[in-house]
Amino acid sequence: MGQSKKDLRNQQQKKNKELGIVTKQQKAPNTTTCCKLCKLELRTTKRNVELVTHQTSKHPSSSMAECFPGEEYEKA
């Protein structure tokens, strides 16, 4: 009886691991950042939409640099 696709994939990954080749993609670790004004912790993502939403709703008179110094964000 033949092997399933899953068995073949796992077998190939095992061979690659022995050779030092990584075939599975690693997830980036979840990171958080803290608002400097209210000390609320928010998840940091690629686009940082949560940070922008927090700043515009909670601290409209402050800038993003004041709330989250050093963080990159997507400008609307």
PDB file of N, CA and C in Angstrom:
ATOM      1  N   MET A   1       0.844  -1.173   0.000  1.00  0.00           N
ATOM      2  CA  MET A   1       0.000   0.000   0.000  1.00  0.00           C
ATOM      3  C   MET A   1       0.893   1.242   0.000  1.00  0.00           C
ATOM      4  N   GLY A   2       0.531   2.243  -0.798  1.00  0.00           N
ATOM      5  CA  GLY A   2       1.326   3.452  -0.933  1.00  0.00           C
ATOM      6  C   GLY A   2       1.200   4.379   0.268  1.00  0.00           C
ATOM      7  N   GLN A   3       2.150   5.277   0.359  1.00  0.00           N
ATOM      8  CA  GLN A   3       2.129   6.240   1.452  1.00  0.00           C
ATOM      9  C   GLN A   3       1.230   7.417   1.101  1.00  0.00           C
ATOM     10  N   SER A   4       0.685   8.045   2.130  1.00  0.00           N
ATOM     11  CA  SER A   4      -0.158   9.215   1.901  1.00  0.00           C
ATOM     12  C   SER A   4       0.724  10.432   1.636  1.00  0.00           C
ATOM     13  N   LYS A   5       0.103  11.505   1.165  1.00  0.00           N
ATOM     14  CA  LYS A   5       0.846  12.748   0.901  1.00  0.00           C
ATOM     15  C   LYS A   5       1.488  13.278   2.174  1.00  0.00           C
ATOM     16  N   LYS A   6       0.753  13.140   3.284  1.00  0.00           N
ATOM     17  CA  LYS A   6       1.265  13.619   4.567  1.00  0.00           C
ATOM     18  C   LYS A   6       2.524  12.844   4.973  1.00  0.00           C
ATOM     19  N   ASP A   7       2.491  11.519   4.790  1.00  0.00           N
ATOM     20  CA  ASP A   7       3.653  10.697   5.123  1.00  0.00           C
ATOM     21  C   ASP A   7       4.850  11.059   4.248  1.00  0.00           C
ATOM     22  N   LEU A   8       4.595  11.253   2.953  1.00  0.00           N
ATOM     23  CA  LEU A   8       5.673  11.625   2.033  1.00  0.00           C
ATOM     24  C   LEU A   8       6.255  12.993   2.387  1.00  0.00           C
ATOM     25  N   ARG A   9       5.370  13.943   2.734  1.00  0.00           N
ATOM     26  CA  ARG A   9       5.834  15.278   3.108  1.00  0.00           C
ATOM     27  C   ARG A   9       6.676  15.218   4.383  1.00  0.00           C
ATOM     28  N   ASN A  10       6.199  14.465   5.384  1.00  0.00           N
ATOM     29  CA  ASN A  10       6.953  14.343   6.628  1.00  0.00           C
ATOM     30  C   ASN A  10       8.292  13.663   6.409  1.00  0.00           C
ATOM     31  N   GLN A  11       8.317  12.659   5.538  1.00  0.00           N
ATOM     32  CA  GLN A  11       9.558  11.969   5.214  1.00  0.00           C
ATOM     33  C   GLN A  11      10.551  12.933   4.537  1.00  0.00           C
ATOM     34  N   GLN A  12      10.056  13.747   3.610  1.00  0.00           N
ATOM     35  CA  GLN A  12      10.907  14.717   2.918  1.00  0.00           C
ATOM     36  C   GLN A  12      11.423  15.772   3.891  1.00  0.00           C
ATOM     37  N   GLN A  13      10.553  16.227   4.797  1.00  0.00           N
ATOM     38  CA  GLN A  13      10.973  17.216   5.785  1.00  0.00           C
ATOM     39  C   GLN A  13      12.036  16.649   6.714  1.00  0.00           C
ATOM     40  N   LYS A  14      11.920  15.384   7.061  1.00  0.00           N
ATOM     41  CA  LYS A  14      12.916  14.737   7.923  1.00  0.00           C
ATOM     42  C   LYS A  14      14.265  14.682   7.215  1.00  0.00           C
ATOM     43  N   LYS A  15      14.250  14.318   5.920  1.00  0.00           N
ATOM     44  CA  LYS A  15      15.495  14.293   5.141  1.00  0.00           C
ATOM     45  C   LYS A  15      16.110  15.687   5.059  1.00  0.00           C
ATOM     46  N   ASN A  16      15.255  16.687   4.793  1.00  0.00           N
ATOM     47  CA  ASN A  16      15.742  18.056   4.691  1.00  0.00           C
ATOM     48  C   ASN A  16      16.308  18.541   6.020  1.00  0.00           C
ATOM     49  N   LYS A  17      15.680  18.148   7.113  1.00  0.00           N
ATOM     50  CA  LYS A  17      16.153  18.550   8.438  1.00  0.00           C
ATOM     51  C   LYS A  17      17.551  17.989   8.704  1.00  0.00           C
ATOM     52  N   GLU A  18      17.771  16.735   8.284  1.00  0.00           N
ATOM     53  CA  GLU A  18      19.085  16.119   8.439  1.00  0.00           C
ATOM     54  C   GLU A  18      20.143  16.846   7.615  1.00  0.00           C
ATOM     55  N   LEU A  19      19.717  17.395   6.469  1.00  0.00           N
ATOM     56  CA  LEU A  19      20.631  18.140   5.609  1.00  0.00           C
ATOM     57  C   LEU A  19      20.775  19.597   6.037  1.00  0.00           C
ATOM     58  N   GLY A  20      19.947  20.040   6.978  1.00  0.00           N
ATOM     59  CA  GLY A  20      20.017  21.416   7.457  1.00  0.00           C
ATOM     60  C   GLY A  20      19.145  22.381   6.691  1.00  0.00           C
ATOM     61  N   ILE A  21      18.192  21.865   5.916  1.00  0.00           N
ATOM     62  CA  ILE A  21      17.283  22.700   5.142  1.00  0.00           C
ATOM     63  C   ILE A  21      15.965  22.800   5.893  1.00  0.00           C
ATOM     64  N   VAL A  22      15.519  24.012   6.156  1.00  0.00           N
ATOM     65  CA  VAL A  22      14.254  24.215   6.852  1.00  0.00           C
ATOM     66  C   VAL A  22      13.156  24.386   5.814  1.00  0.00           C
ATOM     67  N   THR A  23      12.120  23.548   5.892  1.00  0.00           N
ATOM     68  CA  THR A  23      11.040  23.625   4.914  1.00  0.00           C
ATOM     69  C   THR A  23       9.771  24.237   5.497  1.00  0.00           C
ATOM     70  N   LYS A  24       9.602  24.175   6.801  1.00  0.00           N
ATOM     71  CA  LYS A  24       8.438  24.791   7.422  1.00  0.00           C
ATOM     72  C   LYS A  24       8.744  26.243   7.726  1.00  0.00           C
ATOM     73  N   GLN A  25       7.767  27.104   7.490  1.00  0.00           N
ATOM     74  CA  GLN A  25       7.955  28.511   7.804  1.00  0.00           C
ATOM     75  C   GLN A  25       7.675  28.740   9.274  1.00  0.00           C
ATOM     76  N   GLN A  26       8.538  29.509   9.901  1.00  0.00           N
ATOM     77  CA  GLN A  26       8.385  29.807  11.309  1.00  0.00           C
ATOM     78  C   GLN A  26       7.517  31.041  11.475  1.00  0.00           C
ATOM     79  N   LYS A  27       6.597  31.010  12.429  1.00  0.00           N
ATOM     80  CA  LYS A  27       5.785  32.177  12.733  1.00  0.00           C
ATOM     81  C   LYS A  27       6.613  33.164  13.527  1.00  0.00           C
ATOM     82  N   ALA A  28       6.379  34.415  13.272  1.00  0.00           N
ATOM     83  CA  ALA A  28       7.044  35.444  14.058  1.00  0.00           C
ATOM     84  C   ALA A  28       6.456  35.441  15.469  1.00  0.00           C
ATOM     85  N   PRO A  29       7.289  35.647  16.454  1.00  0.00           N
ATOM     86  CA  PRO A  29       6.760  35.657  17.815  1.00  0.00           C
ATOM     87  C   PRO A  29       5.844  36.860  18.035  1.00  0.00           C
ATOM     88  N   ASN A  30       4.820  36.666  18.838  1.00  0.00           N
ATOM     89  CA  ASN A  30       3.914  37.761  19.144  1.00  0.00           C
ATOM     90  C   ASN A  30       4.641  38.769  20.024  1.00  0.00           C
ATOM     91  N   THR A  31       4.600  40.004  19.591  1.00  0.00           N
ATOM     92  CA  THR A  31       5.239  41.055  20.372  1.00  0.00           C
ATOM     93  C   THR A  31       4.190  42.087  20.744  1.00  0.00           C
ATOM     94  N   THR A  32       4.421  42.743  21.844  1.00  0.00           N
ATOM     95  CA  THR A  32       3.496  43.780  22.285  1.00  0.00           C
ATOM     96  C   THR A  32       4.275  45.062  22.492  1.00  0.00           C
ATOM     97  N   THR A  33       3.569  46.160  22.429  1.00  0.00           N
ATOM     98  CA  THR A  33       4.148  47.461  22.708  1.00  0.00           C
ATOM     99  C   THR A  33       3.203  48.190  23.650  1.00  0.00           C
ATOM    100  N   CYS A  34       3.742  49.102  24.389  1.00  0.00           N
ATOM    101  CA  CYS A  34       2.976  49.784  25.422  1.00  0.00           C
ATOM    102  C   CYS A  34       2.799  51.258  25.041  1.00  0.00           C
ATOM    103  N   CYS A  35       1.564  51.744  25.158  1.00  0.00           N
ATOM    104  CA  CYS A  35       1.287  53.161  24.929  1.00  0.00           C
ATOM    105  C   CYS A  35       1.949  53.951  26.058  1.00  0.00           C
ATOM    106  N   LYS A  36       2.719  54.950  25.721  1.00  0.00           N
ATOM    107  CA  LYS A  36       3.447  55.731  26.723  1.00  0.00           C
ATOM    108  C   LYS A  36       2.535  56.656  27.517  1.00  0.00           C
ATOM    109  N   LEU A  37       1.351  56.957  26.991  1.00  0.00           N
ATOM    110  CA  LEU A  37       0.445  57.872  27.675  1.00  0.00           C
ATOM    111  C   LEU A  37      -0.465  57.164  28.680  1.00  0.00           C
ATOM    112  N   CYS A  38      -1.048  56.021  28.290  1.00  0.00           N
ATOM    113  CA  CYS A  38      -1.991  55.342  29.190  1.00  0.00           C
ATOM    114  C   CYS A  38      -1.506  53.968  29.636  1.00  0.00           C
ATOM    115  N   LYS A  39      -0.331  53.552  29.171  1.00  0.00           N
ATOM    116  CA  LYS A  39       0.296  52.280  29.573  1.00  0.00           C
ATOM    117  C   LYS A  39      -0.490  51.038  29.155  1.00  0.00           C
ATOM    118  N   LEU A  40      -1.303  51.144  28.108  1.00  0.00           N
ATOM    119  CA  LEU A  40      -2.054  50.006  27.596  1.00  0.00           C
ATOM    120  C   LEU A  40      -1.160  49.210  26.651  1.00  0.00           C
ATOM    121  N   GLU A  41      -1.109  47.880  26.827  1.00  0.00           N
ATOM    122  CA  GLU A  41      -0.315  47.032  25.947  1.00  0.00           C
ATOM    123  C   GLU A  41      -1.142  46.602  24.752  1.00  0.00           C
ATOM    124  N   LEU A  42      -0.571  46.745  23.551  1.00  0.00           N
ATOM    125  CA  LEU A  42      -1.228  46.359  22.309  1.00  0.00           C
ATOM    126  C   LEU A  42      -0.292  45.476  21.501  1.00  0.00           C
ATOM    127  N   ARG A  43      -0.884  44.566  20.722  1.00  0.00           N
ATOM    128  CA  ARG A  43      -0.092  43.681  19.869  1.00  0.00           C
ATOM    129  C   ARG A  43       0.533  44.460  18.721  1.00  0.00           C
ATOM    130  N   THR A  44       1.785  44.162  18.439  1.00  0.00           N
ATOM    131  CA  THR A  44       2.484  44.770  17.316  1.00  0.00           C
ATOM    132  C   THR A  44       2.344  43.836  16.115  1.00  0.00           C
ATOM    133  N   THR A  45       1.866  44.375  14.988  1.00  0.00           N
ATOM    134  CA  THR A  45       1.699  43.603  13.764  1.00  0.00           C
ATOM    135  C   THR A  45       2.481  44.281  12.644  1.00  0.00           C
ATOM    136  N   LYS A  46       2.328  43.767  11.426  1.00  0.00           N
ATOM    137  CA  LYS A  46       3.021  44.370  10.281  1.00  0.00           C
ATOM    138  C   LYS A  46       2.585  45.808  10.045  1.00  0.00           C
ATOM    139  N   ARG A  47       1.260  46.016  10.002  1.00  0.00           N
ATOM    140  CA  ARG A  47       0.738  47.337   9.662  1.00  0.00           C
ATOM    141  C   ARG A  47       0.405  48.180  10.885  1.00  0.00           C
ATOM    142  N   ASN A  48       0.347  47.564  12.066  1.00  0.00           N
ATOM    143  CA  ASN A  48       0.060  48.255  13.323  1.00  0.00           C
ATOM    144  C   ASN A  48      -1.252  49.036  13.292  1.00  0.00           C
ATOM    145  N   VAL A  49      -2.285  48.415  12.730  1.00  0.00           N
ATOM    146  CA  VAL A  49      -3.593  49.053  12.635  1.00  0.00           C
ATOM    147  C   VAL A  49      -4.160  49.304  14.036  1.00  0.00           C
ATOM    148  N   GLU A  50      -3.945  48.366  14.957  1.00  0.00           N
ATOM    149  CA  GLU A  50      -4.454  48.531  16.320  1.00  0.00           C
ATOM    150  C   GLU A  50      -3.831  49.753  16.995  1.00  0.00           C
ATOM    151  N   LEU A  51      -2.557  49.998  16.726  1.00  0.00           N
ATOM    152  CA  LEU A  51      -1.892  51.155  17.330  1.00  0.00           C
ATOM    153  C   LEU A  51      -2.479  52.456  16.793  1.00  0.00           C
ATOM    154  N   VAL A  52      -2.704  52.507  15.492  1.00  0.00           N
ATOM    155  CA  VAL A  52      -3.268  53.709  14.877  1.00  0.00           C
ATOM    156  C   VAL A  52      -4.689  53.948  15.397  1.00  0.00           C
ATOM    157  N   THR A  53      -5.482  52.882  15.477  1.00  0.00           N
ATOM    158  CA  THR A  53      -6.853  53.003  15.980  1.00  0.00           C
ATOM    159  C   THR A  53      -6.856  53.490  17.423  1.00  0.00           C
ATOM    160  N   HIS A  54      -5.968  52.950  18.238  1.00  0.00           N
ATOM    161  CA  HIS A  54      -5.876  53.363  19.639  1.00  0.00           C
ATOM    162  C   HIS A  54      -5.516  54.844  19.744  1.00  0.00           C
ATOM    163  N   GLN A  55      -4.533  55.258  18.989  1.00  0.00           N
ATOM    164  CA  GLN A  55      -4.083  56.649  19.051  1.00  0.00           C
ATOM    165  C   GLN A  55      -5.168  57.602  18.589  1.00  0.00           C
ATOM    166  N   THR A  56      -5.867  57.280  17.503  1.00  0.00           N
ATOM    167  CA  THR A  56      -6.886  58.198  16.982  1.00  0.00           C
ATOM    168  C   THR A  56      -8.127  58.258  17.867  1.00  0.00           C
ATOM    169  N   SER A  57      -8.451  57.167  18.553  1.00  0.00           N
ATOM    170  CA  SER A  57      -9.654  57.174  19.385  1.00  0.00           C
ATOM    171  C   SER A  57      -9.390  57.622  20.822  1.00  0.00           C
ATOM    172  N   LYS A  58      -8.275  57.232  21.405  1.00  0.00           N
ATOM    173  CA  LYS A  58      -8.012  57.543  22.809  1.00  0.00           C
ATOM    174  C   LYS A  58      -7.200  58.821  23.005  1.00  0.00           C
ATOM    175  N   HIS A  59      -6.278  59.102  22.088  1.00  0.00           N
ATOM    176  CA  HIS A  59      -5.387  60.261  22.231  1.00  0.00           C
ATOM    177  C   HIS A  59      -5.345  61.085  20.950  1.00  0.00           C
ATOM    178  N   PRO A  60      -6.458  61.681  20.530  1.00  0.00           N
ATOM    179  CA  PRO A  60      -6.483  62.402  19.250  1.00  0.00           C
ATOM    180  C   PRO A  60      -5.590  63.646  19.234  1.00  0.00           C
ATOM    181  N   SER A  61      -5.315  64.221  20.388  1.00  0.00           N
ATOM    182  CA  SER A  61      -4.481  65.424  20.414  1.00  0.00           C
ATOM    183  C   SER A  61      -2.987  65.083  20.401  1.00  0.00           C
ATOM    184  N   SER A  62      -2.637  63.818  20.604  1.00  0.00           N
ATOM    185  CA  SER A  62      -1.239  63.395  20.612  1.00  0.00           C
ATOM    186  C   SER A  62      -0.879  62.762  19.275  1.00  0.00           C
ATOM    187  N   SER A  63       0.412  62.718  18.998  1.00  0.00           N
ATOM    188  CA  SER A  63       0.870  62.097  17.753  1.00  0.00           C
ATOM    189  C   SER A  63       1.209  60.630  18.007  1.00  0.00           C
ATOM    190  N   MET A  64       1.391  59.881  16.918  1.00  0.00           N
ATOM    191  CA  MET A  64       1.779  58.475  17.046  1.00  0.00           C
ATOM    192  C   MET A  64       3.148  58.353  17.710  1.00  0.00           C
ATOM    193  N   ALA A  65       4.041  59.288  17.420  1.00  0.00           N
ATOM    194  CA  ALA A  65       5.383  59.245  18.007  1.00  0.00           C
ATOM    195  C   ALA A  65       5.336  59.448  19.518  1.00  0.00           C
ATOM    196  N   GLU A  66       4.359  60.208  20.000  1.00  0.00           N
ATOM    197  CA  GLU A  66       4.223  60.403  21.440  1.00  0.00           C
ATOM    198  C   GLU A  66       3.658  59.153  22.112  1.00  0.00           C
ATOM    199  N   CYS A  67       2.696  58.508  21.471  1.00  0.00           N
ATOM    200  CA  CYS A  67       2.085  57.306  22.041  1.00  0.00           C
ATOM    201  C   CYS A  67       3.011  56.091  21.946  1.00  0.00           C
ATOM    202  N   PHE A  68       3.568  55.883  20.777  1.00  0.00           N
ATOM    203  CA  PHE A  68       4.372  54.689  20.509  1.00  0.00           C
ATOM    204  C   PHE A  68       5.697  55.084  19.850  1.00  0.00           C
ATOM    205  N   PRO A  69       6.645  55.603  20.621  1.00  0.00           N
ATOM    206  CA  PRO A  69       7.917  56.003  20.016  1.00  0.00           C
ATOM    207  C   PRO A  69       8.676  54.803  19.455  1.00  0.00           C
ATOM    208  N   GLY A  70       9.206  54.971  18.264  1.00  0.00           N
ATOM    209  CA  GLY A  70      10.005  53.924  17.634  1.00  0.00           C
ATOM    210  C   GLY A  70       9.214  52.923  16.826  1.00  0.00           C
ATOM    211  N   GLU A  71       7.908  52.975  16.832  1.00  0.00           N
ATOM    212  CA  GLU A  71       7.088  52.029  16.070  1.00  0.00           C
ATOM    213  C   GLU A  71       6.757  52.592  14.697  1.00  0.00           C
ATOM    214  N   GLU A  72       6.805  51.711  13.683  1.00  0.00           N
ATOM    215  CA  GLU A  72       6.398  52.107  12.333  1.00  0.00           C
ATOM    216  C   GLU A  72       4.912  51.790  12.198  1.00  0.00           C
ATOM    217  N   TYR A  73       4.208  52.614  11.443  1.00  0.00           N
ATOM    218  CA  TYR A  73       2.775  52.415  11.282  1.00  0.00           C
ATOM    219  C   TYR A  73       2.360  52.841   9.885  1.00  0.00           C
ATOM    220  N   GLU A  74       1.213  52.343   9.473  1.00  0.00           N
ATOM    221  CA  GLU A  74       0.672  52.675   8.154  1.00  0.00           C
ATOM    222  C   GLU A  74      -0.111  53.972   8.246  1.00  0.00           C
ATOM    223  N   LYS A  75       0.295  54.951   7.469  1.00  0.00           N
ATOM    224  CA  LYS A  75      -0.393  56.240   7.485  1.00  0.00           C
ATOM    225  C   LYS A  75      -1.638  56.147   6.615  1.00  0.00           C
ATOM    226  N   ALA A  76      -2.716  56.724   7.110  1.00  0.00           N
ATOM    227  CA  ALA A  76      -3.996  56.663   6.385  1.00  0.00           C
ATOM    228  C   ALA A  76      -4.029  57.658   5.259  1.00  0.00           C
TER     229      ALA A  76
END
